Amino acid sequence: MEKFLIKLNRFSAWVLLVLIILFIVSGYGITKRIIDPVFSKYLHDKLLPVPLFIFFLLHVGISIRYALRRWKLFKSEKTGDIYILVIGLILLIFFLWLFFV
């Protein structure tokens, strides 16, 4: 399980890099018109935010999990895992609510 989480963390970091670059390029596409403004606005406002936030939460959640284990903040590793999972799900639900309302 640990090897899988490390690989997932690295994969999510690379996906985040690509998504952030696309987000920046689409933002410049809207303001500086380096690409089609209509496509840029669709990409920037409709297509990129949800996967960006999901991969951000995934990457940060796994990284915080390992940090909390290193710092021995919780007595039980399961408690720390549940804490990270609950906070991540709350943030995901809140973001999706803000995005779709």
C-alpha atoms as a PDB file:
ATOM      1  CA  MET A   1       0.000   0.000   0.000  1.00  0.00           C
ATOM      2  CA  GLU A   2       2.822   2.416   0.825  1.00  0.00           C
ATOM      3  CA  LYS A   3       4.494   1.976  -2.569  1.00  0.00           C
ATOM      4  CA  PHE A   4       1.170   2.578  -4.297  1.00  0.00           C
ATOM      5  CA  LEU A   5       0.607   5.809  -2.349  1.00  0.00           C
ATOM      6  CA  ILE A   6       4.105   7.056  -3.171  1.00  0.00           C
ATOM      7  CA  LYS A   7       3.558   6.347  -6.873  1.00  0.00           C
ATOM      8  CA  LEU A   8       0.099   7.958  -6.725  1.00  0.00           C
ATOM      9  CA  ASN A   9       1.585  11.022  -5.027  1.00  0.00           C
ATOM     10  CA  ARG A  10       4.245  11.386  -7.723  1.00  0.00           C
ATOM     11  CA  PHE A  11       1.712  10.814 -10.507  1.00  0.00           C
ATOM     12  CA  SER A  12      -0.623  13.423  -9.047  1.00  0.00           C
ATOM     13  CA  ALA A  13       2.277  15.898  -8.843  1.00  0.00           C
ATOM     14  CA  TRP A  14       3.007  15.467 -12.574  1.00  0.00           C
ATOM     15  CA  VAL A  15      -0.675  15.779 -13.475  1.00  0.00           C
ATOM     16  CA  LEU A  16      -0.870  18.901 -11.312  1.00  0.00           C
ATOM     17  CA  LEU A  17       2.086  20.391 -13.158  1.00  0.00           C
ATOM     18  CA  VAL A  18       0.364  19.888 -16.516  1.00  0.00           C
ATOM     19  CA  LEU A  19      -2.957  21.217 -15.209  1.00  0.00           C
ATOM     20  CA  ILE A  20      -1.332  24.316 -13.697  1.00  0.00           C
ATOM     21  CA  ILE A  21       0.468  25.062 -16.975  1.00  0.00           C
ATOM     22  CA  LEU A  22      -2.814  24.677 -18.881  1.00  0.00           C
ATOM     23  CA  PHE A  23      -4.562  26.877 -16.315  1.00  0.00           C
ATOM     24  CA  ILE A  24      -1.952  29.617 -16.718  1.00  0.00           C
ATOM     25  CA  VAL A  25      -1.976  29.393 -20.523  1.00  0.00           C
ATOM     26  CA  SER A  26      -5.775  29.515 -20.602  1.00  0.00           C
ATOM     27  CA  GLY A  27      -5.741  32.544 -18.289  1.00  0.00           C
ATOM     28  CA  TYR A  28      -3.339  34.300 -20.623  1.00  0.00           C
ATOM     29  CA  GLY A  29      -5.524  33.148 -23.502  1.00  0.00           C
ATOM     30  CA  ILE A  30      -8.458  35.011 -21.987  1.00  0.00           C
ATOM     31  CA  THR A  31      -6.565  38.217 -21.189  1.00  0.00           C
ATOM     32  CA  LYS A  32      -3.761  38.376 -23.777  1.00  0.00           C
ATOM     33  CA  ARG A  33      -5.529  36.420 -26.529  1.00  0.00           C
ATOM     34  CA  ILE A  34      -2.632  34.043 -27.189  1.00  0.00           C
ATOM     35  CA  ILE A  35      -5.199  31.339 -28.010  1.00  0.00           C
ATOM     36  CA  ASP A  36      -8.889  31.524 -28.894  1.00  0.00           C
ATOM     37  CA  PRO A  37     -10.589  33.469 -26.064  1.00  0.00           C
ATOM     38  CA  VAL A  38     -13.810  31.425 -26.165  1.00  0.00           C
ATOM     39  CA  PHE A  39     -11.905  28.136 -25.894  1.00  0.00           C
ATOM     40  CA  SER A  40      -9.650  29.651 -23.212  1.00  0.00           C
ATOM     41  CA  LYS A  41     -12.624  30.737 -21.132  1.00  0.00           C
ATOM     42  CA  TYR A  42     -14.236  27.293 -21.439  1.00  0.00           C
ATOM     43  CA  LEU A  43     -10.974  25.602 -20.493  1.00  0.00           C
ATOM     44  CA  HIS A  44     -10.276  27.991 -17.620  1.00  0.00           C
ATOM     45  CA  ASP A  45     -13.780  28.204 -16.155  1.00  0.00           C
ATOM     46  CA  LYS A  46     -15.454  24.882 -16.942  1.00  0.00           C
ATOM     47  CA  LEU A  47     -12.948  22.135 -17.719  1.00  0.00           C
ATOM     48  CA  LEU A  48      -9.827  22.604 -15.569  1.00  0.00           C
ATOM     49  CA  PRO A  49     -10.987  23.605 -12.050  1.00  0.00           C
ATOM     50  CA  VAL A  50     -12.486  20.270 -10.944  1.00  0.00           C
ATOM     51  CA  PRO A  51      -9.590  17.981 -11.961  1.00  0.00           C
ATOM     52  CA  LEU A  52      -7.125  20.582 -10.691  1.00  0.00           C
ATOM     53  CA  PHE A  53      -8.730  20.622  -7.266  1.00  0.00           C
ATOM     54  CA  ILE A  54      -9.115  16.821  -7.121  1.00  0.00           C
ATOM     55  CA  PHE A  55      -5.454  16.213  -7.951  1.00  0.00           C
ATOM     56  CA  PHE A  56      -4.431  19.009  -5.593  1.00  0.00           C
ATOM     57  CA  LEU A  57      -6.334  17.402  -2.718  1.00  0.00           C
ATOM     58  CA  LEU A  58      -4.914  13.993  -3.593  1.00  0.00           C
ATOM     59  CA  HIS A  59      -1.329  15.232  -3.696  1.00  0.00           C
ATOM     60  CA  VAL A  60      -1.605  17.369  -0.576  1.00  0.00           C
ATOM     61  CA  GLY A  61      -3.523  14.714   1.354  1.00  0.00           C
ATOM     62  CA  ILE A  62      -0.925  12.016   0.733  1.00  0.00           C
ATOM     63  CA  SER A  63       1.926  14.394   1.531  1.00  0.00           C
ATOM     64  CA  ILE A  64       0.271  15.549   4.765  1.00  0.00           C
ATOM     65  CA  ARG A  65      -0.358  11.913   5.699  1.00  0.00           C
ATOM     66  CA  TYR A  66       3.371  11.188   5.561  1.00  0.00           C
ATOM     67  CA  ALA A  67       4.209  14.430   7.391  1.00  0.00           C
ATOM     68  CA  LEU A  68       1.788  13.620  10.213  1.00  0.00           C
ATOM     69  CA  ARG A  69       3.302  10.156  10.536  1.00  0.00           C
ATOM     70  CA  ARG A  70       6.819  11.613  10.697  1.00  0.00           C
ATOM     71  CA  TRP A  71       5.783  14.124  13.350  1.00  0.00           C
ATOM     72  CA  LYS A  72       3.839  11.456  15.303  1.00  0.00           C
ATOM     73  CA  LEU A  73       0.998  13.937  15.821  1.00  0.00           C
ATOM     74  CA  PHE A  74      -1.609  11.211  16.368  1.00  0.00           C
ATOM     75  CA  LYS A  75      -1.259   8.221  18.673  1.00  0.00           C
ATOM     76  CA  SER A  76      -2.640   5.898  16.029  1.00  0.00           C
ATOM     77  CA  GLU A  77      -1.791   6.020  12.327  1.00  0.00           C
ATOM     78  CA  LYS A  78      -5.400   5.101  11.535  1.00  0.00           C
ATOM     79  CA  THR A  79      -6.614   8.182  13.410  1.00  0.00           C
ATOM     80  CA  GLY A  80      -4.377  10.399  11.295  1.00  0.00           C
ATOM     81  CA  ASP A  81      -5.538   8.687   8.104  1.00  0.00           C
ATOM     82  CA  ILE A  82      -9.195   9.166   9.039  1.00  0.00           C
ATOM     83  CA  TYR A  83      -8.542  12.796   9.967  1.00  0.00           C
ATOM     84  CA  ILE A  84      -6.900  13.503   6.587  1.00  0.00           C
ATOM     85  CA  LEU A  85      -9.665  11.650   4.722  1.00  0.00           C
ATOM     86  CA  VAL A  86     -12.479  13.516   6.480  1.00  0.00           C
ATOM     87  CA  ILE A  87     -10.867  16.939   5.992  1.00  0.00           C
ATOM     88  CA  GLY A  88     -10.174  16.117   2.322  1.00  0.00           C
ATOM     89  CA  LEU A  89     -13.745  14.999   1.700  1.00  0.00           C
ATOM     90  CA  ILE A  90     -15.141  18.093   3.417  1.00  0.00           C
ATOM     91  CA  LEU A  91     -12.952  20.318   1.242  1.00  0.00           C
ATOM     92  CA  LEU A  92     -13.906  18.390  -1.906  1.00  0.00           C
ATOM     93  CA  ILE A  93     -17.630  18.622  -1.177  1.00  0.00           C
ATOM     94  CA  PHE A  94     -17.319  22.322  -0.336  1.00  0.00           C
ATOM     95  CA  PHE A  95     -15.405  23.058  -3.542  1.00  0.00           C
ATOM     96  CA  LEU A  96     -17.829  21.084  -5.712  1.00  0.00           C
ATOM     97  CA  TRP A  97     -20.742  22.867  -4.057  1.00  0.00           C
ATOM     98  CA  LEU A  98     -19.142  26.251  -4.790  1.00  0.00           C
ATOM     99  CA  PHE A  99     -18.297  25.240  -8.344  1.00  0.00           C
ATOM    100  CA  PHE A 100     -21.704  23.903  -9.368  1.00  0.00           C
ATOM    101  CA  VAL A 101     -23.941  26.400  -7.534  1.00  0.00           C
END
